[in-house]
PDB file of N, CA and C in Angstrom:
ATOM      1  N   MET A   1     -20.389 -25.746  37.144  1.00  0.00           N
ATOM      2  CA  MET A   1     -19.193 -25.967  36.336  1.00  0.00           C
ATOM      3  C   MET A   1     -19.281 -25.217  35.010  1.00  0.00           C
ATOM      4  N   GLU A   2     -20.458 -25.258  34.385  1.00  0.00           N
ATOM      5  CA  GLU A   2     -20.594 -24.608  33.077  1.00  0.00           C
ATOM      6  C   GLU A   2     -20.335 -23.104  33.173  1.00  0.00           C
ATOM      7  N   GLY A   3     -20.756 -22.505  34.289  1.00  0.00           N
ATOM      8  CA  GLY A   3     -20.548 -21.070  34.468  1.00  0.00           C
ATOM      9  C   GLY A   3     -19.080 -20.697  34.477  1.00  0.00           C
ATOM     10  N   ILE A   4     -18.287 -21.464  35.185  1.00  0.00           N
ATOM     11  CA  ILE A   4     -16.853 -21.179  35.264  1.00  0.00           C
ATOM     12  C   ILE A   4     -16.181 -21.414  33.919  1.00  0.00           C
ATOM     13  N   LEU A   5     -16.645 -22.437  33.186  1.00  0.00           N
ATOM     14  CA  LEU A   5     -16.093 -22.686  31.846  1.00  0.00           C
ATOM     15  C   LEU A   5     -16.358 -21.497  30.935  1.00  0.00           C
ATOM     16  N   GLU A   6     -17.566 -20.959  30.999  1.00  0.00           N
ATOM     17  CA  GLU A   6     -17.901 -19.799  30.162  1.00  0.00           C
ATOM     18  C   GLU A   6     -17.064 -18.582  30.535  1.00  0.00           C
ATOM     19  N   GLU A   7     -16.850 -18.382  31.831  1.00  0.00           N
ATOM     20  CA  GLU A   7     -16.002 -17.265  32.269  1.00  0.00           C
ATOM     21  C   GLU A   7     -14.584 -17.415  31.724  1.00  0.00           C
ATOM     22  N   ILE A   8     -14.059 -18.616  31.795  1.00  0.00           N
ATOM     23  CA  ILE A   8     -12.705 -18.874  31.290  1.00  0.00           C
ATOM     24  C   ILE A   8     -12.660 -18.638  29.789  1.00  0.00           C
ATOM     25  N   ILE A   9     -13.640 -19.166  29.061  1.00  0.00           N
ATOM     26  CA  ILE A   9     -13.682 -18.997  27.604  1.00  0.00           C
ATOM     27  C   ILE A   9     -13.727 -17.523  27.225  1.00  0.00           C
ATOM     28  N   LEU A  10     -14.553 -16.734  27.893  1.00  0.00           N
ATOM     29  CA  LEU A  10     -14.640 -15.306  27.581  1.00  0.00           C
ATOM     30  C   LEU A  10     -13.292 -14.614  27.741  1.00  0.00           C
ATOM     31  N   LEU A  11     -12.604 -14.929  28.827  1.00  0.00           N
ATOM     32  CA  LEU A  11     -11.301 -14.309  29.059  1.00  0.00           C
ATOM     33  C   LEU A  11     -10.259 -14.797  28.056  1.00  0.00           C
ATOM     34  N   VAL A  12     -10.297 -16.079  27.729  1.00  0.00           N
ATOM     35  CA  VAL A  12      -9.365 -16.636  26.742  1.00  0.00           C
ATOM     36  C   VAL A  12      -9.591 -15.982  25.380  1.00  0.00           C
ATOM     37  N   LYS A  13     -10.839 -15.861  24.964  1.00  0.00           N
ATOM     38  CA  LYS A  13     -11.120 -15.229  23.665  1.00  0.00           C
ATOM     39  C   LYS A  13     -10.648 -13.774  23.653  1.00  0.00           C
ATOM     40  N   LYS A  14     -10.837 -13.077  24.762  1.00  0.00           N
ATOM     41  CA  LYS A  14     -10.374 -11.695  24.856  1.00  0.00           C
ATOM     42  C   LYS A  14      -8.858 -11.617  24.684  1.00  0.00           C
ATOM     43  N   LYS A  15      -8.148 -12.504  25.386  1.00  0.00           N
ATOM     44  CA  LYS A  15      -6.681 -12.528  25.281  1.00  0.00           C
ATOM     45  C   LYS A  15      -6.241 -12.837  23.848  1.00  0.00           C
ATOM     46  N   MET A  16      -6.923 -13.784  23.217  1.00  0.00           N
ATOM     47  CA  MET A  16      -6.549 -14.164  21.851  1.00  0.00           C
ATOM     48  C   MET A  16      -6.734 -12.989  20.894  1.00  0.00           C
ATOM     49  N   ARG A  17      -7.830 -12.277  21.041  1.00  0.00           N
ATOM     50  CA  ARG A  17      -8.070 -11.110  20.182  1.00  0.00           C
ATOM     51  C   ARG A  17      -7.028 -10.028  20.431  1.00  0.00           C
ATOM     52  N   GLU A  18      -6.741  -9.761  21.694  1.00  0.00           N
ATOM     53  CA  GLU A  18      -5.758  -8.730  22.036  1.00  0.00           C
ATOM     54  C   GLU A  18      -4.383  -9.056  21.471  1.00  0.00           C
ATOM     55  N   GLN A  19      -4.018 -10.328  21.501  1.00  0.00           N
ATOM     56  CA  GLN A  19      -2.692 -10.743  21.046  1.00  0.00           C
ATOM     57  C   GLN A  19      -2.656 -11.096  19.564  1.00  0.00           C
ATOM     58  N   GLY A  20      -3.821 -11.207  18.943  1.00  0.00           N
ATOM     59  CA  GLY A  20      -3.869 -11.593  17.528  1.00  0.00           C
ATOM     60  C   GLY A  20      -3.412 -13.025  17.309  1.00  0.00           C
ATOM     61  N   ALA A  21      -3.601 -13.852  18.324  1.00  0.00           N
ATOM     62  CA  ALA A  21      -3.167 -15.247  18.265  1.00  0.00           C
ATOM     63  C   ALA A  21      -4.401 -16.137  18.184  1.00  0.00           C
ATOM     64  N   TYR A  22      -4.585 -16.766  17.034  1.00  0.00           N
ATOM     65  CA  TYR A  22      -5.814 -17.530  16.803  1.00  0.00           C
ATOM     66  C   TYR A  22      -5.558 -19.004  16.521  1.00  0.00           C
ATOM     67  N   ASN A  23      -4.462 -19.551  17.018  1.00  0.00           N
ATOM     68  CA  ASN A  23      -4.191 -20.958  16.756  1.00  0.00           C
ATOM     69  C   ASN A  23      -4.384 -21.801  18.016  1.00  0.00           C
ATOM     70  N   ARG A  24      -4.348 -23.096  17.834  1.00  0.00           N
ATOM     71  CA  ARG A  24      -4.607 -24.026  18.935  1.00  0.00           C
ATOM     72  C   ARG A  24      -3.576 -23.889  20.055  1.00  0.00           C
ATOM     73  N   GLU A  25      -2.337 -23.663  19.715  1.00  0.00           N
ATOM     74  CA  GLU A  25      -1.289 -23.541  20.737  1.00  0.00           C
ATOM     75  C   GLU A  25      -1.531 -22.314  21.616  1.00  0.00           C
ATOM     76  N   ALA A  26      -1.894 -21.199  21.002  1.00  0.00           N
ATOM     77  CA  ALA A  26      -2.198 -19.995  21.776  1.00  0.00           C
ATOM     78  C   ALA A  26      -3.401 -20.247  22.679  1.00  0.00           C
ATOM     79  N   TYR A  27      -4.398 -20.925  22.148  1.00  0.00           N
ATOM     80  CA  TYR A  27      -5.591 -21.250  22.927  1.00  0.00           C
ATOM     81  C   TYR A  27      -5.218 -22.069  24.164  1.00  0.00           C
ATOM     82  N   LYS A  28      -4.408 -23.108  23.969  1.00  0.00           N
ATOM     83  CA  LYS A  28      -3.986 -23.941  25.106  1.00  0.00           C
ATOM     84  C   LYS A  28      -3.229 -23.108  26.139  1.00  0.00           C
ATOM     85  N   GLU A  29      -2.332 -22.261  25.666  1.00  0.00           N
ATOM     86  CA  GLU A  29      -1.539 -21.422  26.566  1.00  0.00           C
ATOM     87  C   GLU A  29      -2.437 -20.489  27.373  1.00  0.00           C
ATOM     88  N   TYR A  30      -3.400 -19.845  26.701  1.00  0.00           N
ATOM     89  CA  TYR A  30      -4.284 -18.912  27.392  1.00  0.00           C
ATOM     90  C   TYR A  30      -5.245 -19.631  28.331  1.00  0.00           C
ATOM     91  N   VAL A  31      -5.648 -20.837  27.992  1.00  0.00           N
ATOM     92  CA  VAL A  31      -6.475 -21.634  28.905  1.00  0.00           C
ATOM     93  C   VAL A  31      -5.688 -21.900  30.191  1.00  0.00           C
ATOM     94  N   ASN A  32      -4.447 -22.337  30.048  1.00  0.00           N
ATOM     95  CA  ASN A  32      -3.613 -22.613  31.225  1.00  0.00           C
ATOM     96  C   ASN A  32      -3.397 -21.356  32.064  1.00  0.00           C
ATOM     97  N   GLU A  33      -3.087 -20.237  31.405  1.00  0.00           N
ATOM     98  CA  GLU A  33      -2.871 -18.978  32.114  1.00  0.00           C
ATOM     99  C   GLU A  33      -4.135 -18.539  32.852  1.00  0.00           C
ATOM    100  N   THR A  34      -5.271 -18.672  32.199  1.00  0.00           N
ATOM    101  CA  THR A  34      -6.528 -18.232  32.792  1.00  0.00           C
ATOM    102  C   THR A  34      -6.909 -19.109  33.983  1.00  0.00           C
ATOM    103  N   ILE A  35      -6.706 -20.395  33.865  1.00  0.00           N
ATOM    104  CA  ILE A  35      -6.982 -21.284  35.002  1.00  0.00           C
ATOM    105  C   ILE A  35      -6.079 -20.930  36.177  1.00  0.00           C
ATOM    106  N   ASP A  36      -4.795 -20.678  35.907  1.00  0.00           N
ATOM    107  CA  ASP A  36      -3.886 -20.261  36.983  1.00  0.00           C
ATOM    108  C   ASP A  36      -4.362 -18.960  37.625  1.00  0.00           C
ATOM    109  N   TYR A  37      -4.810 -18.029  36.797  1.00  0.00           N
ATOM    110  CA  TYR A  37      -5.327 -16.746  37.288  1.00  0.00           C
ATOM    111  C   TYR A  37      -6.553 -16.964  38.174  1.00  0.00           C
ATOM    112  N   PHE A  38      -7.463 -17.834  37.745  1.00  0.00           N
ATOM    113  CA  PHE A  38      -8.675 -18.115  38.513  1.00  0.00           C
ATOM    114  C   PHE A  38      -8.330 -18.780  39.846  1.00  0.00           C
ATOM    115  N   ILE A  39      -7.314 -19.609  39.865  1.00  0.00           N
ATOM    116  CA  ILE A  39      -6.869 -20.233  41.121  1.00  0.00           C
ATOM    117  C   ILE A  39      -6.310 -19.158  42.053  1.00  0.00           C
ATOM    118  N   GLU A  40      -5.483 -18.258  41.504  1.00  0.00           N
ATOM    119  CA  GLU A  40      -4.906 -17.165  42.297  1.00  0.00           C
ATOM    120  C   GLU A  40      -5.991 -16.294  42.921  1.00  0.00           C
ATOM    121  N   LYS A  41      -7.034 -16.009  42.143  1.00  0.00           N
ATOM    122  CA  LYS A  41      -8.107 -15.120  42.596  1.00  0.00           C
ATOM    123  C   LYS A  41      -9.168 -15.828  43.432  1.00  0.00           C
ATOM    124  N   GLY A  42      -9.041 -17.144  43.577  1.00  0.00           N
ATOM    125  CA  GLY A  42      -9.978 -17.888  44.400  1.00  0.00           C
ATOM    126  C   GLY A  42     -11.262 -18.307  43.689  1.00  0.00           C
ATOM    127  N   LYS A  43     -11.323 -18.103  42.368  1.00  0.00           N
ATOM    128  CA  LYS A  43     -12.505 -18.530  41.611  1.00  0.00           C
ATOM    129  C   LYS A  43     -12.492 -20.035  41.374  1.00  0.00           C
ATOM    130  N   LEU A  44     -11.309 -20.604  41.375  1.00  0.00           N
ATOM    131  CA  LEU A  44     -11.128 -22.059  41.291  1.00  0.00           C
ATOM    132  C   LEU A  44     -10.261 -22.477  42.467  1.00  0.00           C
ATOM    133  N   ASP A  45     -10.490 -23.680  42.921  1.00  0.00           N
ATOM    134  CA  ASP A  45      -9.722 -24.240  44.022  1.00  0.00           C
ATOM    135  C   ASP A  45      -8.764 -25.277  43.448  1.00  0.00           C
ATOM    136  N   GLU A  46      -7.551 -25.308  43.948  1.00  0.00           N
ATOM    137  CA  GLU A  46      -6.571 -26.279  43.459  1.00  0.00           C
ATOM    138  C   GLU A  46      -7.041 -27.713  43.658  1.00  0.00           C
ATOM    139  N   ASN A  47      -7.979 -27.936  44.566  1.00  0.00           N
ATOM    140  CA  ASN A  47      -8.492 -29.270  44.820  1.00  0.00           C
ATOM    141  C   ASN A  47      -9.533 -29.713  43.788  1.00  0.00           C
ATOM    142  N   GLU A  48     -10.013 -28.756  42.980  1.00  0.00           N
ATOM    143  CA  GLU A  48     -10.963 -29.127  41.935  1.00  0.00           C
ATOM    144  C   GLU A  48     -10.230 -29.919  40.861  1.00  0.00           C
ATOM    145  N   ASN A  49     -10.968 -30.608  40.053  1.00  0.00           N
ATOM    146  CA  ASN A  49     -10.365 -31.424  39.011  1.00  0.00           C
ATOM    147  C   ASN A  49      -9.940 -30.529  37.838  1.00  0.00           C
ATOM    148  N   ILE A  50      -8.788 -29.902  37.983  1.00  0.00           N
ATOM    149  CA  ILE A  50      -8.287 -28.942  37.000  1.00  0.00           C
ATOM    150  C   ILE A  50      -8.052 -29.623  35.653  1.00  0.00           C
ATOM    151  N   GLU A  51      -7.553 -30.841  35.658  1.00  0.00           N
ATOM    152  CA  GLU A  51      -7.309 -31.546  34.385  1.00  0.00           C
ATOM    153  C   GLU A  51      -8.619 -31.789  33.636  1.00  0.00           C
ATOM    154  N   PHE A  52      -9.673 -32.093  34.351  1.00  0.00           N
ATOM    155  CA  PHE A  52     -10.983 -32.272  33.725  1.00  0.00           C
ATOM    156  C   PHE A  52     -11.443 -30.962  33.094  1.00  0.00           C
ATOM    157  N   ILE A  53     -11.261 -29.864  33.799  1.00  0.00           N
ATOM    158  CA  ILE A  53     -11.641 -28.552  33.271  1.00  0.00           C
ATOM    159  C   ILE A  53     -10.831 -28.243  32.018  1.00  0.00           C
ATOM    160  N   LYS A  54      -9.523 -28.481  32.063  1.00  0.00           N
ATOM    161  CA  LYS A  54      -8.667 -28.241  30.899  1.00  0.00           C
ATOM    162  C   LYS A  54      -9.099 -29.114  29.720  1.00  0.00           C
ATOM    163  N   ASP A  55      -9.410 -30.372  29.984  1.00  0.00           N
ATOM    164  CA  ASP A  55      -9.863 -31.264  28.913  1.00  0.00           C
ATOM    165  C   ASP A  55     -11.149 -30.749  28.281  1.00  0.00           C
ATOM    166  N   ARG A  56     -12.099 -30.320  29.106  1.00  0.00           N
ATOM    167  CA  ARG A  56     -13.363 -29.784  28.583  1.00  0.00           C
ATOM    168  C   ARG A  56     -13.113 -28.565  27.701  1.00  0.00           C
ATOM    169  N   LEU A  57     -12.217 -27.690  28.156  1.00  0.00           N
ATOM    170  CA  LEU A  57     -11.915 -26.481  27.388  1.00  0.00           C
ATOM    171  C   LEU A  57     -11.181 -26.814  26.091  1.00  0.00           C
ATOM    172  N   ARG A  58     -10.290 -27.782  26.115  1.00  0.00           N
ATOM    173  CA  ARG A  58      -9.580 -28.192  24.897  1.00  0.00           C
ATOM    174  C   ARG A  58     -10.551 -28.777  23.878  1.00  0.00           C
ATOM    175  N   GLU A  59     -11.556 -29.504  24.364  1.00  0.00           N
ATOM    176  CA  GLU A  59     -12.562 -30.077  23.469  1.00  0.00           C
ATOM    177  C   GLU A  59     -13.389 -28.998  22.780  1.00  0.00           C
ATOM    178  N   MET A  60     -13.424 -27.803  23.341  1.00  0.00           N
ATOM    179  CA  MET A  60     -14.216 -26.705  22.780  1.00  0.00           C
ATOM    180  C   MET A  60     -13.470 -25.933  21.697  1.00  0.00           C
ATOM    181  N   TRP A  61     -12.237 -26.273  21.418  1.00  0.00           N
ATOM    182  CA  TRP A  61     -11.391 -25.496  20.509  1.00  0.00           C
ATOM    183  C   TRP A  61     -12.046 -25.227  19.151  1.00  0.00           C
ATOM    184  N   GLU A  62     -12.560 -26.241  18.505  1.00  0.00           N
ATOM    185  CA  GLU A  62     -13.097 -26.043  17.155  1.00  0.00           C
ATOM    186  C   GLU A  62     -14.265 -25.062  17.157  1.00  0.00           C
ATOM    187  N   ARG A  63     -15.117 -25.149  18.150  1.00  0.00           N
ATOM    188  CA  ARG A  63     -16.246 -24.218  18.246  1.00  0.00           C
ATOM    189  C   ARG A  63     -15.737 -22.799  18.495  1.00  0.00           C
ATOM    190  N   ILE A  64     -14.754 -22.666  19.352  1.00  0.00           N
ATOM    191  CA  ILE A  64     -14.172 -21.354  19.661  1.00  0.00           C
ATOM    192  C   ILE A  64     -13.491 -20.782  18.426  1.00  0.00           C
ATOM    193  N   GLU A  65     -12.754 -21.623  17.712  1.00  0.00           N
ATOM    194  CA  GLU A  65     -12.045 -21.174  16.513  1.00  0.00           C
ATOM    195  C   GLU A  65     -13.030 -20.599  15.502  1.00  0.00           C
ATOM    196  N   LYS A  66     -14.147 -21.265  15.281  1.00  0.00           N
ATOM    197  CA  LYS A  66     -15.152 -20.772  14.330  1.00  0.00           C
ATOM    198  C   LYS A  66     -15.709 -19.427  14.756  1.00  0.00           C
ATOM    199  N   LYS A  67     -15.961 -19.259  16.029  1.00  0.00           N
ATOM    200  CA  LYS A  67     -16.485 -17.993  16.536  1.00  0.00           C
ATOM    201  C   LYS A  67     -15.461 -16.861  16.374  1.00  0.00           C
ATOM    202  N   LEU A  68     -14.196 -17.177  16.604  1.00  0.00           N
ATOM    203  CA  LEU A  68     -13.159 -16.155  16.464  1.00  0.00           C
ATOM    204  C   LEU A  68     -13.005 -15.724  15.011  1.00  0.00           C
ATOM    205  N   ILE A  69     -13.119 -16.659  14.114  1.00  0.00           N
ATOM    206  CA  ILE A  69     -12.979 -16.355  12.678  1.00  0.00           C
ATOM    207  C   ILE A  69     -14.134 -15.483  12.200  1.00  0.00           C
ATOM    208  N   GLN A  70     -15.330 -15.732  12.734  1.00  0.00           N
ATOM    209  CA  GLN A  70     -16.507 -14.989  12.310  1.00  0.00           C
ATOM    210  C   GLN A  70     -16.450 -13.535  12.701  1.00  0.00           C
ATOM    211  N   LYS A  71     -15.709 -13.176  13.730  1.00  0.00           N
ATOM    212  CA  LYS A  71     -15.705 -11.790  14.216  1.00  0.00           C
ATOM    213  C   LYS A  71     -14.708 -10.939  13.532  1.00  0.00           C
TER     214      LYS A  71
END
């Protein structure tokens, strides 16, 4: 599970940098988009607990925000 979370975070951070969007709303939007993308590509299964994954990623926001600001 941790591996997939890290993959999602890396892609979300990339999208945020590309778009210049560094707020919580953009983060939530990119998390949702990335999870949908991973489902489409078969990296995640719709039967997995997607809400749990989203909750875990939302809980990481403050740590992600600090890392984005530092760069």
